[in-house]
Amino acid sequence: MSERSTVDFWFDPLCPWAWLSSRWMLEVQTVRPVDVKFHLMSLAMLNEDRDIPDEYKKLLATGKNIGRVVMAAQVGHGDEVVPGLYTELGRRFHHEDRERDQGTVAEALAAVGLPADLIEAWDDESWDEKVRASHEEGQNLVGLDVGTPIIRVAGTAFFGPVVTPAPAGEDAGKLWDGVVLVASTPGFYELKRTRDEGPRFDTGAAPLHDRAA
């Protein structure tokens, strides 16, 4: 058995592509000696000085509220609560297409046994400093021209992988092997093509990991 390694994964709870990559990473844990540590990033903070459509600004503002609640849960109850809370949020947001509002977030908190009063962080701007610190830790590794997901593996961090559907089983492991290979290649920066399919949540690893353990 190879020694287990830790992979750092930065996510914004609103991003469907980060959600799919996170489900892939959870699947990788079952087929490779890897553990995932989840960190918050903020699409709202990433885009705060950019000219973006008003509707997107409104969505990102809600994401900022959600990030405060996740950070309050992490600070108050430990890093170990983040994967389960992210899972319950993601299932509601992406699989069930629920509203990104306080009621849905409160349900997710209850589903993982976290105190209901954590929802009070929704409008509490004092949490923004800690969210920004987590966000900037990830962005400083890869630069400001990419969003989420960000992963750090084999001493290298990069945006991606962006994939749909999220591979399951040994297919997840094979993709991981390729990621490790490129991450360990000096001077490697980018592979990319235009997306011609939207995120799929009905197959692959996503439905396997849509509920907290």
N, C-alpha and C. Protein backbone atom coordinates (compact mmCIF):
# COMPACT_ATOMS: atom_id res chain seq x y z
N MET A 1 0.84 -1.20 0.00
CA MET A 1 0.00 0.00 0.00
C MET A 1 0.87 1.25 0.00
N SER A 2 0.55 2.18 -0.88
CA SER A 2 1.26 3.45 -0.89
C SER A 2 0.81 4.29 0.29
N GLU A 3 1.69 5.15 0.75
CA GLU A 3 1.33 6.05 1.83
C GLU A 3 0.27 7.03 1.35
N ARG A 4 -0.72 7.29 2.19
CA ARG A 4 -1.80 8.19 1.80
C ARG A 4 -1.30 9.63 1.75
N SER A 5 -1.78 10.37 0.78
CA SER A 5 -1.42 11.77 0.63
C SER A 5 -2.67 12.62 0.75
N THR A 6 -2.47 13.89 1.06
CA THR A 6 -3.59 14.82 1.21
C THR A 6 -3.62 15.77 0.02
N VAL A 7 -4.82 15.95 -0.53
CA VAL A 7 -5.04 16.87 -1.64
C VAL A 7 -5.90 18.02 -1.12
N ASP A 8 -5.48 19.24 -1.37
CA ASP A 8 -6.26 20.42 -1.00
C ASP A 8 -7.17 20.81 -2.15
N PHE A 9 -8.43 21.08 -1.82
CA PHE A 9 -9.45 21.36 -2.85
C PHE A 9 -10.22 22.61 -2.45
N TRP A 10 -10.18 23.65 -3.30
CA TRP A 10 -10.89 24.90 -3.02
C TRP A 10 -12.18 24.93 -3.83
N PHE A 11 -13.28 25.31 -3.17
CA PHE A 11 -14.59 25.29 -3.82
C PHE A 11 -15.42 26.49 -3.40
N ASP A 12 -16.28 26.91 -4.30
CA ASP A 12 -17.39 27.81 -3.96
C ASP A 12 -18.64 26.94 -4.04
N PRO A 13 -19.49 26.94 -2.99
CA PRO A 13 -20.65 26.06 -2.98
C PRO A 13 -21.61 26.26 -4.15
N LEU A 14 -21.55 27.41 -4.81
CA LEU A 14 -22.47 27.68 -5.91
C LEU A 14 -22.04 27.04 -7.23
N CYS A 15 -20.77 26.72 -7.39
CA CYS A 15 -20.25 26.31 -8.70
C CYS A 15 -20.55 24.85 -9.01
N PRO A 16 -21.32 24.57 -10.07
CA PRO A 16 -21.62 23.17 -10.41
C PRO A 16 -20.41 22.40 -10.88
N TRP A 17 -19.46 23.08 -11.51
CA TRP A 17 -18.26 22.38 -11.99
C TRP A 17 -17.36 21.98 -10.83
N ALA A 18 -17.24 22.84 -9.83
CA ALA A 18 -16.49 22.47 -8.63
C ALA A 18 -17.18 21.31 -7.92
N TRP A 19 -18.50 21.33 -7.91
CA TRP A 19 -19.25 20.24 -7.29
C TRP A 19 -18.92 18.91 -7.96
N LEU A 20 -18.94 18.87 -9.29
CA LEU A 20 -18.62 17.63 -9.98
C LEU A 20 -17.19 17.18 -9.70
N SER A 21 -16.26 18.13 -9.70
CA SER A 21 -14.87 17.76 -9.40
C SER A 21 -14.72 17.25 -7.98
N SER A 22 -15.49 17.82 -7.06
CA SER A 22 -15.42 17.35 -5.67
C SER A 22 -15.97 15.94 -5.53
N ARG A 23 -17.02 15.62 -6.30
CA ARG A 23 -17.56 14.25 -6.25
C ARG A 23 -16.55 13.28 -6.83
N TRP A 24 -15.85 13.70 -7.88
CA TRP A 24 -14.78 12.88 -8.42
C TRP A 24 -13.69 12.67 -7.39
N MET A 25 -13.30 13.72 -6.67
CA MET A 25 -12.24 13.58 -5.67
C MET A 25 -12.67 12.63 -4.55
N LEU A 26 -13.94 12.68 -4.14
CA LEU A 26 -14.41 11.75 -3.12
C LEU A 26 -14.35 10.31 -3.64
N GLU A 27 -14.62 10.14 -4.91
CA GLU A 27 -14.51 8.81 -5.51
C GLU A 27 -13.05 8.37 -5.59
N VAL A 28 -12.16 9.29 -5.89
CA VAL A 28 -10.73 8.97 -5.93
C VAL A 28 -10.28 8.42 -4.58
N GLN A 29 -10.82 8.98 -3.50
CA GLN A 29 -10.45 8.49 -2.16
C GLN A 29 -10.73 7.00 -1.99
N THR A 30 -11.68 6.48 -2.74
CA THR A 30 -12.05 5.07 -2.59
C THR A 30 -11.17 4.14 -3.43
N VAL A 31 -10.43 4.69 -4.41
CA VAL A 31 -9.65 3.84 -5.30
C VAL A 31 -8.16 4.17 -5.32
N ARG A 32 -7.76 5.24 -4.63
CA ARG A 32 -6.36 5.62 -4.53
C ARG A 32 -6.08 6.06 -3.09
N PRO A 33 -4.81 6.00 -2.65
CA PRO A 33 -4.47 6.36 -1.27
C PRO A 33 -4.42 7.88 -1.09
N VAL A 34 -5.59 8.51 -1.19
CA VAL A 34 -5.69 9.97 -1.19
C VAL A 34 -6.76 10.40 -0.21
N ASP A 35 -6.50 11.48 0.51
CA ASP A 35 -7.50 12.13 1.36
C ASP A 35 -7.67 13.57 0.88
N VAL A 36 -8.90 14.06 0.90
CA VAL A 36 -9.20 15.40 0.40
C VAL A 36 -9.47 16.34 1.57
N LYS A 37 -8.84 17.49 1.55
CA LYS A 37 -9.13 18.54 2.51
C LYS A 37 -9.79 19.70 1.77
N PHE A 38 -11.00 20.06 2.19
CA PHE A 38 -11.78 21.07 1.50
C PHE A 38 -11.55 22.45 2.10
N HIS A 39 -11.43 23.44 1.20
CA HIS A 39 -11.24 24.83 1.58
C HIS A 39 -12.23 25.70 0.82
N LEU A 40 -12.70 26.75 1.45
CA LEU A 40 -13.58 27.71 0.78
C LEU A 40 -12.80 28.63 -0.13
N MET A 41 -13.38 28.91 -1.31
CA MET A 41 -12.99 30.07 -2.08
C MET A 41 -14.28 30.85 -2.33
N SER A 42 -14.17 32.03 -2.91
CA SER A 42 -15.34 32.88 -3.08
C SER A 42 -15.36 33.48 -4.47
N LEU A 43 -16.32 33.06 -5.28
CA LEU A 43 -16.48 33.67 -6.59
C LEU A 43 -16.88 35.13 -6.47
N ALA A 44 -17.58 35.48 -5.40
CA ALA A 44 -17.94 36.88 -5.17
C ALA A 44 -16.70 37.73 -4.98
N MET A 45 -15.76 37.24 -4.18
CA MET A 45 -14.52 37.99 -3.95
C MET A 45 -13.65 38.00 -5.19
N LEU A 46 -13.64 36.92 -5.93
CA LEU A 46 -12.84 36.85 -7.15
C LEU A 46 -13.31 37.88 -8.17
N ASN A 47 -14.62 38.14 -8.20
CA ASN A 47 -15.20 39.00 -9.23
C ASN A 47 -15.60 40.38 -8.71
N GLU A 48 -15.21 40.73 -7.49
CA GLU A 48 -15.74 41.95 -6.89
C GLU A 48 -15.30 43.22 -7.62
N ASP A 49 -14.19 43.22 -8.34
CA ASP A 49 -13.74 44.40 -9.06
C ASP A 49 -13.90 44.25 -10.57
N ARG A 50 -14.71 43.28 -10.98
CA ARG A 50 -14.88 43.02 -12.41
C ARG A 50 -16.26 43.47 -12.89
N ASP A 51 -16.33 43.78 -14.17
CA ASP A 51 -17.59 44.19 -14.78
C ASP A 51 -18.36 42.94 -15.19
N ILE A 52 -19.31 42.54 -14.37
CA ILE A 52 -20.09 41.33 -14.63
C ILE A 52 -21.57 41.68 -14.63
N PRO A 53 -22.42 40.87 -15.27
CA PRO A 53 -23.85 41.16 -15.34
C PRO A 53 -24.48 41.26 -13.95
N ASP A 54 -25.49 42.12 -13.83
CA ASP A 54 -26.15 42.33 -12.54
C ASP A 54 -26.73 41.04 -11.97
N GLU A 55 -27.29 40.19 -12.83
CA GLU A 55 -27.87 38.95 -12.35
C GLU A 55 -26.82 38.04 -11.72
N TYR A 56 -25.64 38.03 -12.35
CA TYR A 56 -24.54 37.23 -11.79
C TYR A 56 -24.05 37.82 -10.48
N LYS A 57 -24.00 39.16 -10.41
CA LYS A 57 -23.62 39.81 -9.15
C LYS A 57 -24.55 39.40 -8.02
N LYS A 58 -25.85 39.36 -8.33
CA LYS A 58 -26.84 38.99 -7.32
C LYS A 58 -26.62 37.56 -6.84
N LEU A 59 -26.35 36.67 -7.79
CA LEU A 59 -26.09 35.28 -7.42
C LEU A 59 -24.84 35.17 -6.56
N LEU A 60 -23.79 35.88 -6.93
CA LEU A 60 -22.54 35.80 -6.18
C LEU A 60 -22.69 36.40 -4.78
N ALA A 61 -23.54 37.41 -4.65
CA ALA A 61 -23.78 37.98 -3.32
C ALA A 61 -24.38 36.93 -2.40
N THR A 62 -25.29 36.13 -2.93
CA THR A 62 -25.85 35.03 -2.15
C THR A 62 -24.78 34.01 -1.80
N GLY A 63 -23.88 33.75 -2.76
CA GLY A 63 -22.77 32.84 -2.49
C GLY A 63 -21.90 33.32 -1.35
N LYS A 64 -21.75 34.63 -1.25
CA LYS A 64 -20.97 35.20 -0.16
C LYS A 64 -21.63 34.91 1.18
N ASN A 65 -22.96 35.04 1.23
CA ASN A 65 -23.70 34.70 2.45
C ASN A 65 -23.49 33.23 2.84
N ILE A 66 -23.60 32.37 1.85
CA ILE A 66 -23.45 30.93 2.10
C ILE A 66 -22.04 30.63 2.60
N GLY A 67 -21.04 31.28 2.00
CA GLY A 67 -19.67 31.07 2.43
C GLY A 67 -19.45 31.44 3.88
N ARG A 68 -20.11 32.50 4.34
CA ARG A 68 -19.99 32.89 5.75
C ARG A 68 -20.50 31.77 6.66
N VAL A 69 -21.61 31.15 6.28
CA VAL A 69 -22.16 30.08 7.11
C VAL A 69 -21.22 28.88 7.14
N VAL A 70 -20.68 28.52 5.98
CA VAL A 70 -19.74 27.40 5.93
C VAL A 70 -18.51 27.70 6.78
N MET A 71 -18.01 28.92 6.69
CA MET A 71 -16.83 29.28 7.48
C MET A 71 -17.14 29.25 8.97
N ALA A 72 -18.31 29.74 9.36
CA ALA A 72 -18.69 29.70 10.77
C ALA A 72 -18.76 28.27 11.27
N ALA A 73 -19.26 27.37 10.44
CA ALA A 73 -19.32 25.95 10.81
C ALA A 73 -17.92 25.38 10.95
N GLN A 74 -17.04 25.72 10.03
CA GLN A 74 -15.67 25.20 10.08
C GLN A 74 -14.92 25.69 11.30
N VAL A 75 -15.02 26.99 11.57
CA VAL A 75 -14.31 27.56 12.71
C VAL A 75 -14.87 27.02 14.03
N GLY A 76 -16.17 26.91 14.11
CA GLY A 76 -16.80 26.50 15.35
C GLY A 76 -16.79 25.01 15.61
N HIS A 77 -16.69 24.20 14.55
CA HIS A 77 -16.87 22.76 14.73
C HIS A 77 -15.80 21.92 14.04
N GLY A 78 -14.82 22.55 13.43
CA GLY A 78 -13.68 21.82 12.91
C GLY A 78 -13.74 21.57 11.41
N ASP A 79 -12.55 21.36 10.83
CA ASP A 79 -12.45 21.11 9.39
C ASP A 79 -13.27 19.89 8.96
N GLU A 80 -13.44 18.95 9.87
CA GLU A 80 -14.09 17.69 9.50
C GLU A 80 -15.56 17.85 9.15
N VAL A 81 -16.18 18.98 9.52
CA VAL A 81 -17.61 19.15 9.19
C VAL A 81 -17.80 19.70 7.79
N VAL A 82 -16.75 20.22 7.17
CA VAL A 82 -16.90 20.88 5.88
C VAL A 82 -17.33 19.92 4.77
N PRO A 83 -16.71 18.74 4.61
CA PRO A 83 -17.14 17.86 3.52
C PRO A 83 -18.62 17.49 3.58
N GLY A 84 -19.11 17.16 4.77
CA GLY A 84 -20.51 16.78 4.89
C GLY A 84 -21.45 17.94 4.62
N LEU A 85 -21.11 19.12 5.12
CA LEU A 85 -21.96 20.28 4.88
C LEU A 85 -21.94 20.64 3.39
N TYR A 86 -20.78 20.62 2.78
CA TYR A 86 -20.69 20.89 1.35
C TYR A 86 -21.53 19.89 0.56
N THR A 87 -21.48 18.63 0.96
CA THR A 87 -22.26 17.61 0.28
C THR A 87 -23.76 17.89 0.38
N GLU A 88 -24.23 18.23 1.56
CA GLU A 88 -25.66 18.49 1.72
C GLU A 88 -26.09 19.77 1.00
N LEU A 89 -25.22 20.77 0.98
CA LEU A 89 -25.52 21.98 0.21
C LEU A 89 -25.55 21.66 -1.28
N GLY A 90 -24.54 20.97 -1.75
CA GLY A 90 -24.45 20.67 -3.18
C GLY A 90 -25.59 19.83 -3.70
N ARG A 91 -26.00 18.85 -2.92
CA ARG A 91 -27.15 18.03 -3.36
C ARG A 91 -28.38 18.90 -3.55
N ARG A 92 -28.61 19.79 -2.61
CA ARG A 92 -29.79 20.65 -2.70
C ARG A 92 -29.66 21.67 -3.84
N PHE A 93 -28.49 22.25 -4.00
CA PHE A 93 -28.31 23.27 -5.02
C PHE A 93 -28.29 22.69 -6.43
N HIS A 94 -27.53 21.61 -6.60
CA HIS A 94 -27.24 21.13 -7.95
C HIS A 94 -28.13 19.97 -8.38
N HIS A 95 -28.36 19.00 -7.52
CA HIS A 95 -29.20 17.86 -7.90
C HIS A 95 -30.69 18.21 -7.83
N GLU A 96 -31.06 18.94 -6.81
CA GLU A 96 -32.48 19.24 -6.59
C GLU A 96 -32.88 20.63 -7.07
N ASP A 97 -31.91 21.42 -7.48
CA ASP A 97 -32.15 22.78 -7.97
C ASP A 97 -32.98 23.60 -7.00
N ARG A 98 -32.62 23.50 -5.74
CA ARG A 98 -33.32 24.25 -4.70
C ARG A 98 -32.84 25.70 -4.68
N GLU A 99 -33.62 26.56 -4.05
CA GLU A 99 -33.23 27.96 -3.91
C GLU A 99 -31.95 28.08 -3.08
N ARG A 100 -31.12 29.02 -3.49
CA ARG A 100 -29.90 29.28 -2.73
C ARG A 100 -30.25 30.31 -1.65
N ASP A 101 -31.01 29.88 -0.67
CA ASP A 101 -31.48 30.82 0.35
C ASP A 101 -31.22 30.26 1.75
N GLN A 102 -31.61 31.05 2.74
CA GLN A 102 -31.33 30.66 4.12
C GLN A 102 -32.05 29.37 4.52
N GLY A 103 -33.25 29.19 4.01
CA GLY A 103 -34.00 27.98 4.35
C GLY A 103 -33.30 26.72 3.89
N THR A 104 -32.79 26.75 2.67
CA THR A 104 -32.08 25.58 2.14
C THR A 104 -30.79 25.32 2.91
N VAL A 105 -30.07 26.39 3.22
CA VAL A 105 -28.82 26.24 3.98
C VAL A 105 -29.11 25.72 5.38
N ALA A 106 -30.19 26.20 6.00
CA ALA A 106 -30.57 25.72 7.32
C ALA A 106 -30.87 24.22 7.29
N GLU A 107 -31.52 23.75 6.23
CA GLU A 107 -31.78 22.32 6.08
C GLU A 107 -30.48 21.53 6.01
N ALA A 108 -29.52 22.06 5.26
CA ALA A 108 -28.23 21.37 5.13
C ALA A 108 -27.51 21.30 6.47
N LEU A 109 -27.56 22.38 7.24
CA LEU A 109 -26.96 22.36 8.57
C LEU A 109 -27.59 21.27 9.43
N ALA A 110 -28.92 21.21 9.41
CA ALA A 110 -29.63 20.21 10.22
C ALA A 110 -29.29 18.80 9.77
N ALA A 111 -29.11 18.61 8.46
CA ALA A 111 -28.86 17.26 7.92
C ALA A 111 -27.55 16.68 8.43
N VAL A 112 -26.59 17.54 8.78
CA VAL A 112 -25.30 17.04 9.29
C VAL A 112 -25.16 17.29 10.79
N GLY A 113 -26.27 17.65 11.44
CA GLY A 113 -26.26 17.78 12.89
C GLY A 113 -25.56 19.00 13.42
N LEU A 114 -25.45 20.04 12.61
CA LEU A 114 -24.83 21.28 13.07
C LEU A 114 -25.87 22.20 13.68
N PRO A 115 -25.47 23.05 14.63
CA PRO A 115 -26.43 23.93 15.31
C PRO A 115 -27.16 24.87 14.35
N ALA A 116 -28.45 25.03 14.60
CA ALA A 116 -29.27 25.88 13.74
C ALA A 116 -28.82 27.33 13.76
N ASP A 117 -28.23 27.77 14.88
CA ASP A 117 -27.88 29.19 14.98
C ASP A 117 -26.69 29.58 14.10
N LEU A 118 -26.04 28.61 13.44
CA LEU A 118 -24.99 28.95 12.50
C LEU A 118 -25.52 29.77 11.33
N ILE A 119 -26.82 29.67 11.05
CA ILE A 119 -27.40 30.43 9.95
C ILE A 119 -27.30 31.94 10.22
N GLU A 120 -27.07 32.32 11.46
CA GLU A 120 -26.94 33.73 11.79
C GLU A 120 -25.70 34.36 11.14
N ALA A 121 -24.76 33.52 10.71
CA ALA A 121 -23.58 34.04 10.02
C ALA A 121 -23.91 34.58 8.64
N TRP A 122 -25.09 34.29 8.12
CA TRP A 122 -25.50 34.68 6.77
C TRP A 122 -25.24 36.16 6.49
N ASP A 123 -25.64 37.02 7.40
CA ASP A 123 -25.49 38.47 7.22
C ASP A 123 -24.35 39.07 8.04
N ASP A 124 -23.52 38.22 8.63
CA ASP A 124 -22.47 38.68 9.53
C ASP A 124 -21.17 38.90 8.76
N GLU A 125 -20.90 40.16 8.43
CA GLU A 125 -19.73 40.49 7.63
C GLU A 125 -18.41 40.21 8.34
N SER A 126 -18.46 39.97 9.64
CA SER A 126 -17.22 39.70 10.36
C SER A 126 -16.56 38.39 9.89
N TRP A 127 -17.33 37.52 9.23
CA TRP A 127 -16.77 36.26 8.72
C TRP A 127 -16.02 36.45 7.41
N ASP A 128 -16.20 37.60 6.76
CA ASP A 128 -15.61 37.79 5.44
C ASP A 128 -14.09 37.74 5.47
N GLU A 129 -13.49 38.19 6.56
CA GLU A 129 -12.03 38.18 6.65
C GLU A 129 -11.48 36.76 6.58
N LYS A 130 -12.12 35.85 7.29
CA LYS A 130 -11.65 34.46 7.27
C LYS A 130 -11.94 33.79 5.92
N VAL A 131 -13.10 34.10 5.34
CA VAL A 131 -13.38 33.56 4.01
C VAL A 131 -12.36 34.06 3.01
N ARG A 132 -12.04 35.35 3.08
CA ARG A 132 -11.08 35.93 2.15
C ARG A 132 -9.69 35.29 2.33
N ALA A 133 -9.31 35.01 3.55
CA ALA A 133 -8.01 34.39 3.78
C ALA A 133 -7.93 33.01 3.13
N SER A 134 -9.01 32.23 3.27
CA SER A 134 -9.06 30.92 2.64
C SER A 134 -9.06 31.05 1.12
N HIS A 135 -9.86 31.98 0.63
CA HIS A 135 -9.95 32.24 -0.81
C HIS A 135 -8.59 32.63 -1.38
N GLU A 136 -7.92 33.56 -0.72
CA GLU A 136 -6.65 34.05 -1.24
C GLU A 136 -5.55 33.01 -1.15
N GLU A 137 -5.64 32.12 -0.18
CA GLU A 137 -4.64 31.04 -0.12
C GLU A 137 -4.66 30.23 -1.40
N GLY A 138 -5.86 29.89 -1.86
CA GLY A 138 -5.96 29.13 -3.11
C GLY A 138 -5.59 29.95 -4.32
N GLN A 139 -6.12 31.17 -4.42
CA GLN A 139 -5.86 32.00 -5.59
C GLN A 139 -4.40 32.36 -5.72
N ASN A 140 -3.73 32.57 -4.61
CA ASN A 140 -2.31 32.92 -4.67
C ASN A 140 -1.46 31.78 -5.23
N LEU A 141 -1.99 30.59 -5.19
CA LEU A 141 -1.25 29.45 -5.74
C LEU A 141 -1.35 29.36 -7.25
N VAL A 142 -2.45 29.90 -7.81
CA VAL A 142 -2.71 29.70 -9.24
C VAL A 142 -2.88 30.99 -10.04
N GLY A 143 -3.05 32.13 -9.36
CA GLY A 143 -3.28 33.38 -10.06
C GLY A 143 -4.76 33.72 -10.11
N LEU A 144 -5.06 34.94 -10.58
CA LEU A 144 -6.43 35.46 -10.52
C LEU A 144 -7.21 35.24 -11.81
N ASP A 145 -6.62 34.56 -12.81
CA ASP A 145 -7.32 34.36 -14.07
C ASP A 145 -8.09 33.05 -14.12
N VAL A 146 -8.22 32.38 -12.97
CA VAL A 146 -9.00 31.14 -12.91
C VAL A 146 -9.93 31.20 -11.71
N GLY A 147 -10.94 30.35 -11.73
CA GLY A 147 -11.90 30.31 -10.63
C GLY A 147 -11.81 29.04 -9.83
N THR A 148 -12.89 28.29 -9.76
CA THR A 148 -12.96 27.08 -8.96
C THR A 148 -13.42 25.93 -9.84
N PRO A 149 -12.94 24.72 -9.65
CA PRO A 149 -12.15 24.25 -8.51
C PRO A 149 -10.66 24.54 -8.67
N ILE A 150 -9.99 24.60 -7.53
CA ILE A 150 -8.53 24.62 -7.47
C ILE A 150 -8.11 23.42 -6.64
N ILE A 151 -7.14 22.68 -7.12
CA ILE A 151 -6.59 21.59 -6.32
C ILE A 151 -5.09 21.75 -6.22
N ARG A 152 -4.55 21.25 -5.10
CA ARG A 152 -3.10 21.24 -4.89
C ARG A 152 -2.67 19.80 -4.69
N VAL A 153 -1.79 19.33 -5.56
CA VAL A 153 -1.34 17.95 -5.51
C VAL A 153 0.12 17.91 -5.94
N ALA A 154 0.88 17.03 -5.28
CA ALA A 154 2.28 16.82 -5.64
C ALA A 154 3.07 18.12 -5.68
N GLY A 155 2.73 19.04 -4.77
CA GLY A 155 3.46 20.29 -4.67
C GLY A 155 3.07 21.34 -5.70
N THR A 156 2.06 21.04 -6.50
CA THR A 156 1.61 21.95 -7.55
C THR A 156 0.12 22.21 -7.40
N ALA A 157 -0.30 23.44 -7.67
CA ALA A 157 -1.73 23.76 -7.64
C ALA A 157 -2.16 24.25 -9.02
N PHE A 158 -3.40 23.96 -9.38
CA PHE A 158 -3.92 24.41 -10.66
C PHE A 158 -5.44 24.40 -10.64
N PHE A 159 -6.03 25.06 -11.61
CA PHE A 159 -7.47 25.08 -11.80
C PHE A 159 -7.90 23.77 -12.48
N GLY A 160 -9.01 23.20 -11.97
CA GLY A 160 -9.54 21.99 -12.58
C GLY A 160 -9.29 20.77 -11.73
N PRO A 161 -9.50 19.59 -12.29
CA PRO A 161 -10.02 19.39 -13.63
C PRO A 161 -11.52 19.69 -13.73
N VAL A 162 -11.94 20.14 -14.90
CA VAL A 162 -13.35 20.38 -15.20
C VAL A 162 -13.84 19.20 -16.01
N VAL A 163 -14.81 18.48 -15.49
CA VAL A 163 -15.22 17.24 -16.15
C VAL A 163 -16.69 16.96 -15.89
N THR A 164 -17.37 16.41 -16.88
CA THR A 164 -18.74 15.97 -16.71
C THR A 164 -19.01 14.77 -17.61
N PRO A 165 -19.69 13.74 -17.10
CA PRO A 165 -20.00 13.56 -15.68
C PRO A 165 -18.73 13.23 -14.90
N ALA A 166 -18.82 13.29 -13.58
CA ALA A 166 -17.67 12.97 -12.74
C ALA A 166 -17.37 11.48 -12.83
N PRO A 167 -16.16 11.10 -13.21
CA PRO A 167 -15.85 9.67 -13.36
C PRO A 167 -16.00 8.91 -12.05
N ALA A 168 -16.37 7.65 -12.17
CA ALA A 168 -16.52 6.77 -11.01
C ALA A 168 -15.61 5.56 -11.15
N GLY A 169 -15.37 4.89 -10.02
CA GLY A 169 -14.60 3.66 -10.02
C GLY A 169 -13.19 3.88 -10.53
N GLU A 170 -12.69 2.90 -11.27
CA GLU A 170 -11.32 2.97 -11.77
C GLU A 170 -11.14 4.10 -12.77
N ASP A 171 -12.22 4.52 -13.44
CA ASP A 171 -12.11 5.67 -14.33
C ASP A 171 -11.72 6.92 -13.54
N ALA A 172 -12.25 7.04 -12.33
CA ALA A 172 -11.85 8.16 -11.46
C ALA A 172 -10.37 8.05 -11.11
N GLY A 173 -9.93 6.85 -10.83
CA GLY A 173 -8.52 6.63 -10.50
C GLY A 173 -7.60 6.93 -11.66
N LYS A 174 -8.01 6.56 -12.86
CA LYS A 174 -7.17 6.82 -14.03
C LYS A 174 -7.03 8.32 -14.29
N LEU A 175 -8.14 9.05 -14.14
CA LEU A 175 -8.04 10.49 -14.30
C LEU A 175 -7.11 11.07 -13.25
N TRP A 176 -7.22 10.57 -12.03
CA TRP A 176 -6.34 11.04 -10.96
C TRP A 176 -4.87 10.77 -11.30
N ASP A 177 -4.58 9.58 -11.81
CA ASP A 177 -3.20 9.26 -12.18
C ASP A 177 -2.67 10.26 -13.21
N GLY A 178 -3.53 10.64 -14.16
CA GLY A 178 -3.12 11.62 -15.15
C GLY A 178 -2.89 12.99 -14.55
N VAL A 179 -3.74 13.37 -13.60
CA VAL A 179 -3.57 14.65 -12.93
C VAL A 179 -2.25 14.69 -12.17
N VAL A 180 -1.95 13.61 -11.48
CA VAL A 180 -0.68 13.55 -10.74
C VAL A 180 0.49 13.63 -11.71
N LEU A 181 0.37 12.98 -12.85
CA LEU A 181 1.45 13.01 -13.84
C LEU A 181 1.72 14.42 -14.33
N VAL A 182 0.67 15.15 -14.73
CA VAL A 182 0.91 16.49 -15.25
C VAL A 182 1.34 17.44 -14.14
N ALA A 183 0.79 17.22 -12.93
CA ALA A 183 1.17 18.09 -11.81
C ALA A 183 2.64 17.94 -11.46
N SER A 184 3.20 16.78 -11.69
CA SER A 184 4.60 16.52 -11.35
C SER A 184 5.55 16.78 -12.52
N THR A 185 5.01 17.30 -13.63
CA THR A 185 5.83 17.61 -14.80
C THR A 185 6.27 19.06 -14.76
N PRO A 186 7.56 19.35 -14.59
CA PRO A 186 8.02 20.74 -14.51
C PRO A 186 7.61 21.52 -15.75
N GLY A 187 7.08 22.72 -15.52
CA GLY A 187 6.74 23.59 -16.63
C GLY A 187 5.39 23.33 -17.25
N PHE A 188 4.65 22.31 -16.78
CA PHE A 188 3.32 22.06 -17.35
C PHE A 188 2.32 23.07 -16.79
N TYR A 189 1.51 23.68 -17.68
CA TYR A 189 0.55 24.68 -17.24
C TYR A 189 -0.89 24.38 -17.63
N GLU A 190 -1.15 23.92 -18.83
CA GLU A 190 -2.55 23.97 -19.24
C GLU A 190 -2.88 22.94 -20.33
N LEU A 191 -4.06 22.35 -20.18
CA LEU A 191 -4.76 21.63 -21.24
C LEU A 191 -6.19 22.16 -21.23
N LYS A 192 -6.75 22.48 -22.40
CA LYS A 192 -8.10 23.04 -22.37
C LYS A 192 -8.77 22.88 -23.72
N ARG A 193 -10.11 22.72 -23.68
CA ARG A 193 -10.91 22.77 -24.89
C ARG A 193 -12.26 23.37 -24.54
N THR A 194 -12.99 23.83 -25.56
CA THR A 194 -14.28 24.45 -25.34
C THR A 194 -15.28 23.42 -24.82
N ARG A 195 -16.04 23.79 -23.79
CA ARG A 195 -17.05 22.89 -23.24
C ARG A 195 -18.25 22.83 -24.17
N ASP A 196 -18.68 21.64 -24.51
CA ASP A 196 -19.86 21.48 -25.37
C ASP A 196 -20.96 20.69 -24.67
N GLU A 197 -20.85 20.56 -23.35
CA GLU A 197 -21.85 19.84 -22.55
C GLU A 197 -21.94 20.51 -21.18
N GLY A 198 -23.14 20.64 -20.67
CA GLY A 198 -23.33 21.19 -19.34
C GLY A 198 -23.05 20.16 -18.27
N PRO A 199 -22.99 20.61 -17.01
CA PRO A 199 -22.73 19.67 -15.91
C PRO A 199 -23.83 18.64 -15.76
N ARG A 200 -23.45 17.38 -15.58
CA ARG A 200 -24.40 16.27 -15.42
C ARG A 200 -24.27 15.70 -14.01
N PHE A 201 -25.40 15.61 -13.34
CA PHE A 201 -25.43 15.13 -11.96
C PHE A 201 -26.12 13.78 -11.80
N ASP A 202 -26.58 13.19 -12.93
CA ASP A 202 -27.40 11.99 -12.86
C ASP A 202 -26.62 10.70 -13.06
N THR A 203 -25.33 10.80 -13.31
CA THR A 203 -24.54 9.61 -13.59
C THR A 203 -23.11 9.82 -13.09
N GLY A 204 -22.32 8.76 -13.13
CA GLY A 204 -20.94 8.85 -12.66
C GLY A 204 -20.85 8.95 -11.15
N ALA A 205 -19.85 9.68 -10.67
CA ALA A 205 -19.61 9.76 -9.23
C ALA A 205 -20.58 10.68 -8.51
N ALA A 206 -21.21 11.61 -9.24
CA ALA A 206 -22.07 12.60 -8.56
C ALA A 206 -23.20 11.96 -7.73
N PRO A 207 -24.01 11.05 -8.30
CA PRO A 207 -25.06 10.45 -7.47
C PRO A 207 -24.53 9.50 -6.40
N LEU A 208 -23.28 9.07 -6.52
CA LEU A 208 -22.69 8.20 -5.51
C LEU A 208 -22.30 8.96 -4.25
N HIS A 209 -22.08 10.26 -4.41
CA HIS A 209 -21.57 11.07 -3.30
C HIS A 209 -22.40 12.33 -3.13
N ASP A 210 -23.71 12.21 -3.25
CA ASP A 210 -24.57 13.38 -3.12
C ASP A 210 -25.18 13.53 -1.74
N ARG A 211 -24.78 12.67 -0.83
CA ARG A 211 -25.26 12.75 0.56
C ARG A 211 -24.08 12.55 1.51
N ALA A 212 -24.13 13.26 2.62
CA ALA A 212 -23.06 13.14 3.61
C ALA A 212 -23.06 11.74 4.21
N ALA A 213 -21.87 11.24 4.45
CA ALA A 213 -21.74 9.90 5.04
C ALA A 213 -22.22 9.90 6.48
